[in-house]
């Protein structure tokens, strides 16, 4: 007997498969991320029967973002669960669970009829419960991503603000240093201008004094020449 149940989830197939596998691999201590086919574990299960029983569960099919299959066995009892992931669009995934039950009995036709009724009901309930838990995981995962994105954005904003504040502080320090340097340069220029003015004034005075001395000497020469001429005339 095989029963199929499907549901459409408003999440990308990569996200659905990732969360599905994260939950599924908890049952397998030696789960191989690359190729888990062949991984086995003994587990108490009660989804297929009235009471709990221990079964060997083996991963028999795995295609990333497409397929996950497990086979549960206990003696002659065998259950196959196949999970198929189908892309509807970039934000929608159809998840289908196909459950197959193989259980021999003394009266095959009677067992098939009874098992069909009981097994179908349990499979449907199990699928509903499974989807509810998966959607909770997806919602939690999406919420955490949004929170982390916000926290990351806030942290990046803080880092950026801190960097800009540091840059502004360095720019202010540089401007202050440049202003101080300009002030010192201006003071130096004023001092140099003062010295130059003093030197110019001194040079002017020296030139004036020198000019006066020349005039004095010339006057003496003129006087001497006049006296000589008068003596000669006499």
C-alpha atoms as a PDB file:
ATOM      1  CA  UNK A   1       0.000   0.000   0.000  1.00  0.00           C
ATOM      2  CA  UNK A   2       1.185   3.505  -0.771  1.00  0.00           C
ATOM      3  CA  UNK A   3      -0.297   6.803   0.346  1.00  0.00           C
ATOM      4  CA  UNK A   4       0.710  10.238  -0.847  1.00  0.00           C
ATOM      5  CA  UNK A   5       0.236  13.625   0.827  1.00  0.00           C
ATOM      6  CA  UNK A   6       1.384  16.991  -0.525  1.00  0.00           C
ATOM      7  CA  UNK A   7       1.605  20.566   0.674  1.00  0.00           C
ATOM      8  CA  UNK A   8       2.854  23.813  -0.823  1.00  0.00           C
ATOM      9  CA  UNK A   9       5.195  25.842   1.363  1.00  0.00           C
ATOM     10  CA  UNK A  10       5.879  29.531   0.763  1.00  0.00           C
ATOM     11  CA  UNK A  11       9.636  29.142   0.982  1.00  0.00           C
ATOM     12  CA  UNK A  12      12.428  28.456  -1.545  1.00  0.00           C
ATOM     13  CA  UNK A  13      13.259  24.783  -2.010  1.00  0.00           C
ATOM     14  CA  UNK A  14      16.820  25.316  -0.721  1.00  0.00           C
ATOM     15  CA  UNK A  15      15.470  26.700   2.535  1.00  0.00           C
ATOM     16  CA  UNK A  16      12.862  23.951   2.944  1.00  0.00           C
ATOM     17  CA  UNK A  17      15.335  21.153   2.231  1.00  0.00           C
ATOM     18  CA  UNK A  18      17.977  22.669   4.505  1.00  0.00           C
ATOM     19  CA  UNK A  19      15.606  22.849   7.474  1.00  0.00           C
ATOM     20  CA  UNK A  20      14.154  19.423   6.704  1.00  0.00           C
ATOM     21  CA  UNK A  21      17.592  17.789   6.673  1.00  0.00           C
ATOM     22  CA  UNK A  22      18.678  19.668   9.783  1.00  0.00           C
ATOM     23  CA  UNK A  23      15.781  18.021  11.616  1.00  0.00           C
ATOM     24  CA  UNK A  24      16.046  14.614   9.920  1.00  0.00           C
ATOM     25  CA  UNK A  25      19.755  14.126  10.604  1.00  0.00           C
ATOM     26  CA  UNK A  26      19.247  14.401  14.372  1.00  0.00           C
ATOM     27  CA  UNK A  27      18.299  10.719  14.324  1.00  0.00           C
ATOM     28  CA  UNK A  28      21.567   9.729  12.631  1.00  0.00           C
ATOM     29  CA  UNK A  29      24.769  10.285  14.669  1.00  0.00           C
ATOM     30  CA  UNK A  30      26.893   9.401  11.625  1.00  0.00           C
ATOM     31  CA  UNK A  31      24.945  11.452   9.121  1.00  0.00           C
ATOM     32  CA  UNK A  32      27.123  12.246   6.085  1.00  0.00           C
ATOM     33  CA  UNK A  33      26.346  15.690   4.686  1.00  0.00           C
ATOM     34  CA  UNK A  34      27.675  14.828   1.220  1.00  0.00           C
ATOM     35  CA  UNK A  35      25.995  11.427   0.801  1.00  0.00           C
ATOM     36  CA  UNK A  36      24.050  10.018   3.769  1.00  0.00           C
ATOM     37  CA  UNK A  37      22.723   6.995   1.858  1.00  0.00           C
ATOM     38  CA  UNK A  38      23.430   3.858   3.895  1.00  0.00           C
ATOM     39  CA  UNK A  39      23.310   5.541   7.305  1.00  0.00           C
ATOM     40  CA  UNK A  40      21.388   3.349   9.777  1.00  0.00           C
ATOM     41  CA  UNK A  41      20.030   3.673  13.285  1.00  0.00           C
ATOM     42  CA  UNK A  42      17.737   1.681  15.582  1.00  0.00           C
ATOM     43  CA  UNK A  43      14.861   3.842  16.690  1.00  0.00           C
ATOM     44  CA  UNK A  44      11.632   3.496  18.635  1.00  0.00           C
ATOM     45  CA  UNK A  45       8.754   4.504  16.396  1.00  0.00           C
ATOM     46  CA  UNK A  46       5.008   4.584  16.832  1.00  0.00           C
ATOM     47  CA  UNK A  47       3.781   6.406  13.768  1.00  0.00           C
ATOM     48  CA  UNK A  48       2.876   3.269  11.827  1.00  0.00           C
ATOM     49  CA  UNK A  49       1.425   1.032  14.517  1.00  0.00           C
ATOM     50  CA  UNK A  50      -0.837   1.166  17.540  1.00  0.00           C
ATOM     51  CA  UNK A  51       2.103   0.826  19.906  1.00  0.00           C
ATOM     52  CA  UNK A  52       5.737   1.867  19.823  1.00  0.00           C
ATOM     53  CA  UNK A  53       8.252  -0.593  18.445  1.00  0.00           C
ATOM     54  CA  UNK A  54      11.966  -0.593  17.675  1.00  0.00           C
ATOM     55  CA  UNK A  55      12.873  -0.534  13.998  1.00  0.00           C
ATOM     56  CA  UNK A  56      16.021  -0.234  11.952  1.00  0.00           C
ATOM     57  CA  UNK A  57      15.850   2.995   9.981  1.00  0.00           C
ATOM     58  CA  UNK A  58      18.120   3.393   6.955  1.00  0.00           C
ATOM     59  CA  UNK A  59      18.554   6.277   4.542  1.00  0.00           C
ATOM     60  CA  UNK A  60      18.082   4.779   1.080  1.00  0.00           C
ATOM     61  CA  UNK A  61      17.707   7.852  -1.112  1.00  0.00           C
ATOM     62  CA  UNK A  62      19.184  11.349  -1.106  1.00  0.00           C
ATOM     63  CA  UNK A  63      19.316  14.043  -3.780  1.00  0.00           C
ATOM     64  CA  UNK A  64      19.963  17.539  -2.472  1.00  0.00           C
ATOM     65  CA  UNK A  65      16.916  19.806  -2.776  1.00  0.00           C
ATOM     66  CA  UNK A  66      14.975  16.995  -4.494  1.00  0.00           C
ATOM     67  CA  UNK A  67      14.649  13.719  -2.585  1.00  0.00           C
ATOM     68  CA  UNK A  68      15.040  12.079   0.812  1.00  0.00           C
ATOM     69  CA  UNK A  69      14.029   8.470   1.455  1.00  0.00           C
ATOM     70  CA  UNK A  70      14.201   6.200   4.494  1.00  0.00           C
ATOM     71  CA  UNK A  71      13.254   2.561   4.973  1.00  0.00           C
ATOM     72  CA  UNK A  72      12.161   1.311   8.398  1.00  0.00           C
ATOM     73  CA  UNK A  73      12.200  -2.450   8.999  1.00  0.00           C
ATOM     74  CA  UNK A  74      11.408  -4.861  11.796  1.00  0.00           C
ATOM     75  CA  UNK A  75      11.532  -8.472  10.722  1.00  0.00           C
ATOM     76  CA  UNK A  76       9.128  -8.880   7.829  1.00  0.00           C
ATOM     77  CA  UNK A  77       7.551  -5.477   8.443  1.00  0.00           C
ATOM     78  CA  UNK A  78       8.804  -2.728   6.151  1.00  0.00           C
ATOM     79  CA  UNK A  79       7.839   0.922   5.727  1.00  0.00           C
ATOM     80  CA  UNK A  80       9.258   3.234   3.079  1.00  0.00           C
ATOM     81  CA  UNK A  81       8.974   7.009   3.447  1.00  0.00           C
ATOM     82  CA  UNK A  82       9.870   9.093   0.407  1.00  0.00           C
ATOM     83  CA  UNK A  83      10.020  12.889   0.627  1.00  0.00           C
ATOM     84  CA  UNK A  84       9.966  14.711  -2.707  1.00  0.00           C
ATOM     85  CA  UNK A  85      10.766  18.428  -3.071  1.00  0.00           C
ATOM     86  CA  UNK A  86       9.448  20.193  -6.164  1.00  0.00           C
ATOM     87  CA  UNK A  87      10.120  23.803  -7.158  1.00  0.00           C
ATOM     88  CA  UNK A  88       6.912  25.693  -7.968  1.00  0.00           C
ATOM     89  CA  UNK A  89       8.652  29.049  -8.225  1.00  0.00           C
ATOM     90  CA  UNK A  90      11.587  30.736  -6.519  1.00  0.00           C
ATOM     91  CA  UNK A  91       9.572  31.237  -3.313  1.00  0.00           C
ATOM     92  CA  UNK A  92       7.270  28.198  -3.341  1.00  0.00           C
ATOM     93  CA  UNK A  93       8.016  24.504  -2.829  1.00  0.00           C
ATOM     94  CA  UNK A  94       5.730  21.501  -3.119  1.00  0.00           C
ATOM     95  CA  UNK A  95       6.613  18.853  -0.541  1.00  0.00           C
ATOM     96  CA  UNK A  96       5.209  15.372  -1.110  1.00  0.00           C
ATOM     97  CA  UNK A  97       5.451  12.468   1.318  1.00  0.00           C
ATOM     98  CA  UNK A  98       4.816   8.980  -0.069  1.00  0.00           C
ATOM     99  CA  UNK A  99       4.400   6.279   2.591  1.00  0.00           C
ATOM    100  CA  UNK A 100       4.525   2.608   1.598  1.00  0.00           C
ATOM    101  CA  UNK A 101       3.588  -0.230   3.930  1.00  0.00           C
ATOM    102  CA  UNK A 102       4.627  -3.836   3.393  1.00  0.00           C
ATOM    103  CA  UNK A 103       3.255  -6.201   6.022  1.00  0.00           C
ATOM    104  CA  UNK A 104       2.402  -9.876   5.260  1.00  0.00           C
ATOM    105  CA  UNK A 105      -0.569 -11.578   6.919  1.00  0.00           C
ATOM    106  CA  UNK A 106      -2.575 -14.817   7.047  1.00  0.00           C
ATOM    107  CA  UNK A 107      -5.454 -13.220   5.144  1.00  0.00           C
ATOM    108  CA  UNK A 108      -3.788 -10.841   2.680  1.00  0.00           C
ATOM    109  CA  UNK A 109      -7.002  -9.305   1.345  1.00  0.00           C
ATOM    110  CA  UNK A 110      -8.375  -8.676   4.874  1.00  0.00           C
ATOM    111  CA  UNK A 111      -5.070  -7.348   6.145  1.00  0.00           C
ATOM    112  CA  UNK A 112      -4.794  -5.062   3.152  1.00  0.00           C
ATOM    113  CA  UNK A 113      -8.274  -3.629   3.749  1.00  0.00           C
ATOM    114  CA  UNK A 114      -7.786  -3.078   7.493  1.00  0.00           C
ATOM    115  CA  UNK A 115      -4.237  -1.815   7.116  1.00  0.00           C
ATOM    116  CA  UNK A 116      -5.360   0.535   4.373  1.00  0.00           C
ATOM    117  CA  UNK A 117      -7.883   2.232   6.663  1.00  0.00           C
ATOM    118  CA  UNK A 118      -5.626   2.362   9.730  1.00  0.00           C
ATOM    119  CA  UNK A 119      -2.405   3.157   7.915  1.00  0.00           C
ATOM    120  CA  UNK A 120      -3.950   5.922   5.810  1.00  0.00           C
ATOM    121  CA  UNK A 121      -5.337   7.671   8.901  1.00  0.00           C
ATOM    122  CA  UNK A 122      -2.037   7.463  10.774  1.00  0.00           C
ATOM    123  CA  UNK A 123      -0.063   8.632   7.744  1.00  0.00           C
ATOM    124  CA  UNK A 124      -2.333  11.644   7.279  1.00  0.00           C
ATOM    125  CA  UNK A 125      -2.069  12.659  10.951  1.00  0.00           C
ATOM    126  CA  UNK A 126       1.668  12.122  10.880  1.00  0.00           C
ATOM    127  CA  UNK A 127       1.996  14.256   7.742  1.00  0.00           C
ATOM    128  CA  UNK A 128      -0.063  17.110   9.228  1.00  0.00           C
ATOM    129  CA  UNK A 129       2.031  17.069  12.394  1.00  0.00           C
ATOM    130  CA  UNK A 130       5.241  16.893  10.360  1.00  0.00           C
ATOM    131  CA  UNK A 131       4.250  19.888   8.189  1.00  0.00           C
ATOM    132  CA  UNK A 132       3.269  21.954  11.231  1.00  0.00           C
ATOM    133  CA  UNK A 133       6.649  21.330  12.871  1.00  0.00           C
ATOM    134  CA  UNK A 134       8.495  22.052   9.631  1.00  0.00           C
ATOM    135  CA  UNK A 135       6.631  25.339   9.130  1.00  0.00           C
ATOM    136  CA  UNK A 136       7.471  26.327  12.702  1.00  0.00           C
ATOM    137  CA  UNK A 137      11.136  25.610  11.985  1.00  0.00           C
ATOM    138  CA  UNK A 138      10.975  27.624   8.765  1.00  0.00           C
ATOM    139  CA  UNK A 139       9.300  30.579  10.463  1.00  0.00           C
ATOM    140  CA  UNK A 140      11.824  30.489  13.295  1.00  0.00           C
ATOM    141  CA  UNK A 141      14.685  30.231  10.832  1.00  0.00           C
ATOM    142  CA  UNK A 142      13.399  33.150   8.760  1.00  0.00           C
ATOM    143  CA  UNK A 143      12.841  35.218  11.912  1.00  0.00           C
ATOM    144  CA  UNK A 144      16.377  34.525  13.094  1.00  0.00           C
ATOM    145  CA  UNK A 145      17.760  35.489   9.700  1.00  0.00           C
ATOM    146  CA  UNK A 146      15.859  38.774   9.804  1.00  0.00           C
ATOM    147  CA  UNK A 147      17.036  39.461  13.352  1.00  0.00           C
ATOM    148  CA  UNK A 148      20.605  38.587  12.454  1.00  0.00           C
ATOM    149  CA  UNK A 149      20.389  40.748   9.347  1.00  0.00           C
ATOM    150  CA  UNK A 150      19.072  43.648  11.428  1.00  0.00           C
ATOM    151  CA  UNK A 151      21.730  43.092  14.087  1.00  0.00           C
ATOM    152  CA  UNK A 152      24.386  42.870  11.387  1.00  0.00           C
ATOM    153  CA  UNK A 153      23.060  46.046   9.758  1.00  0.00           C
ATOM    154  CA  UNK A 154      23.002  47.816  13.129  1.00  0.00           C
ATOM    155  CA  UNK A 155      26.522  46.627  13.879  1.00  0.00           C
ATOM    156  CA  UNK A 156      27.733  47.730  10.467  1.00  0.00           C
ATOM    157  CA  UNK A 157      26.044  51.108  11.000  1.00  0.00           C
ATOM    158  CA  UNK A 158      27.784  51.453  14.367  1.00  0.00           C
ATOM    159  CA  UNK A 159      31.134  50.505  12.861  1.00  0.00           C
ATOM    160  CA  UNK A 160      30.578  52.947  10.002  1.00  0.00           C
ATOM    161  CA  UNK A 161      29.532  55.728  12.397  1.00  0.00           C
ATOM    162  CA  UNK A 162      32.548  55.013  14.579  1.00  0.00           C
ATOM    163  CA  UNK A 163      34.847  55.088  11.548  1.00  0.00           C
ATOM    164  CA  UNK A 164      33.296  58.343  10.347  1.00  0.00           C
ATOM    165  CA  UNK A 165      33.620  59.855  13.840  1.00  0.00           C
ATOM    166  CA  UNK A 166      37.256  58.793  13.946  1.00  0.00           C
ATOM    167  CA  UNK A 167      37.791  60.230  10.482  1.00  0.00           C
ATOM    168  CA  UNK A 168      36.115  63.498  11.508  1.00  0.00           C
ATOM    169  CA  UNK A 169      38.237  63.627  14.669  1.00  0.00           C
ATOM    170  CA  UNK A 170      41.402  63.069  12.660  1.00  0.00           C
ATOM    171  CA  UNK A 171      40.296  65.728  10.157  1.00  0.00           C
ATOM    172  CA  UNK A 172      39.616  68.171  13.013  1.00  0.00           C
ATOM    173  CA  UNK A 173      43.014  67.382  14.532  1.00  0.00           C
ATOM    174  CA  UNK A 174      44.687  67.903  11.171  1.00  0.00           C
ATOM    175  CA  UNK A 175      42.804  71.177  10.655  1.00  0.00           C
ATOM    176  CA  UNK A 176      43.870  72.324  14.129  1.00  0.00           C
ATOM    177  CA  UNK A 177      47.471  71.410  13.399  1.00  0.00           C
ATOM    178  CA  UNK A 178      47.308  73.208  10.055  1.00  0.00           C
ATOM    179  CA  UNK A 179      45.743  76.256  11.736  1.00  0.00           C
ATOM    180  CA  UNK A 180      48.478  76.197  14.375  1.00  0.00           C
ATOM    181  CA  UNK A 181      51.109  75.869  11.667  1.00  0.00           C
ATOM    182  CA  UNK A 182      49.518  78.741   9.738  1.00  0.00           C
ATOM    183  CA  UNK A 183      49.463  80.849  12.907  1.00  0.00           C
ATOM    184  CA  UNK A 184      53.122  80.126  13.558  1.00  0.00           C
ATOM    185  CA  UNK A 185      53.957  80.866   9.922  1.00  0.00           C
ATOM    186  CA  UNK A 186      52.062  84.149  10.168  1.00  0.00           C
ATOM    187  CA  UNK A 187      53.890  85.039  13.397  1.00  0.00           C
ATOM    188  CA  UNK A 188      57.191  84.181  11.746  1.00  0.00           C
ATOM    189  CA  UNK A 189      56.281  86.270   8.699  1.00  0.00           C
ATOM    190  CA  UNK A 190      55.365  89.208  10.942  1.00  0.00           C
ATOM    191  CA  UNK A 191      58.623  88.837  12.856  1.00  0.00           C
ATOM    192  CA  UNK A 192      60.600  88.624   9.624  1.00  0.00           C
ATOM    193  CA  UNK A 193      58.721  91.633   8.248  1.00  0.00           C
ATOM    194  CA  UNK A 194      59.518  93.554  11.438  1.00  0.00           C
ATOM    195  CA  UNK A 195      63.196  92.645  11.168  1.00  0.00           C
ATOM    196  CA  UNK A 196      63.175  93.598   7.497  1.00  0.00           C
ATOM    197  CA  UNK A 197      61.526  96.925   8.337  1.00  0.00           C
ATOM    198  CA  UNK A 198      64.077  97.587  11.041  1.00  0.00           C
ATOM    199  CA  UNK A 199      66.882  96.700   8.672  1.00  0.00           C
ATOM    200  CA  UNK A 200      65.388  98.927   5.999  1.00  0.00           C
ATOM    201  CA  UNK A 201      65.046 101.771   8.467  1.00  0.00           C
ATOM    202  CA  UNK A 202      68.636 101.290   9.593  1.00  0.00           C
ATOM    203  CA  UNK A 203      69.838 101.183   6.020  1.00  0.00           C
ATOM    204  CA  UNK A 204      67.895 104.353   5.278  1.00  0.00           C
ATOM    205  CA  UNK A 205      69.445 106.097   8.256  1.00  0.00           C
ATOM    206  CA  UNK A 206      72.892 104.936   7.284  1.00  0.00           C
ATOM    207  CA  UNK A 207      72.330 106.122   3.751  1.00  0.00           C
ATOM    208  CA  UNK A 208      71.112 109.484   5.028  1.00  0.00           C
ATOM    209  CA  UNK A 209      74.084 109.812   7.353  1.00  0.00           C
ATOM    210  CA  UNK A 210      76.456 108.908   4.572  1.00  0.00           C
ATOM    211  CA  UNK A 211      74.805 111.458   2.325  1.00  0.00           C
ATOM    212  CA  UNK A 212      75.222 114.170   4.966  1.00  0.00           C
ATOM    213  CA  UNK A 213      78.908 113.330   5.412  1.00  0.00           C
ATOM    214  CA  UNK A 214      79.508 113.644   1.682  1.00  0.00           C
ATOM    215  CA  UNK A 215      77.835 117.051   1.631  1.00  0.00           C
ATOM    216  CA  UNK A 216      79.975 118.189   4.589  1.00  0.00           C
ATOM    217  CA  UNK A 217      83.157 117.057   2.891  1.00  0.00           C
ATOM    218  CA  UNK A 218      82.155 118.827  -0.301  1.00  0.00           C
ATOM    219  CA  UNK A 219      81.517 122.032   1.617  1.00  0.00           C
ATOM    220  CA  UNK A 220      85.009 121.865   3.122  1.00  0.00           C
ATOM    221  CA  UNK A 221      86.547 121.343  -0.278  1.00  0.00           C
ATOM    222  CA  UNK A 222      84.686 124.330  -1.674  1.00  0.00           C
ATOM    223  CA  UNK A 223      85.835 126.493   1.224  1.00  0.00           C
ATOM    224  CA  UNK A 224      89.476 125.485   0.759  1.00  0.00           C
ATOM    225  CA  UNK A 225      89.372 126.180  -2.934  1.00  0.00           C
ATOM    226  CA  UNK A 226      87.895 129.642  -2.338  1.00  0.00           C
ATOM    227  CA  UNK A 227      90.602 130.526   0.174  1.00  0.00           C
ATOM    228  CA  UNK A 228      93.336 129.387  -2.184  1.00  0.00           C
ATOM    229  CA  UNK A 229      91.983 131.463  -5.021  1.00  0.00           C
ATOM    230  CA  UNK A 230      91.812 134.555  -2.847  1.00  0.00           C
ATOM    231  CA  UNK A 231      95.472 134.090  -1.761  1.00  0.00           C
ATOM    232  CA  UNK A 232      96.634 133.770  -5.281  1.00  0.00           C
ATOM    233  CA  UNK A 233      94.827 136.905  -6.312  1.00  0.00           C
ATOM    234  CA  UNK A 234      96.527 138.879  -3.562  1.00  0.00           C
END
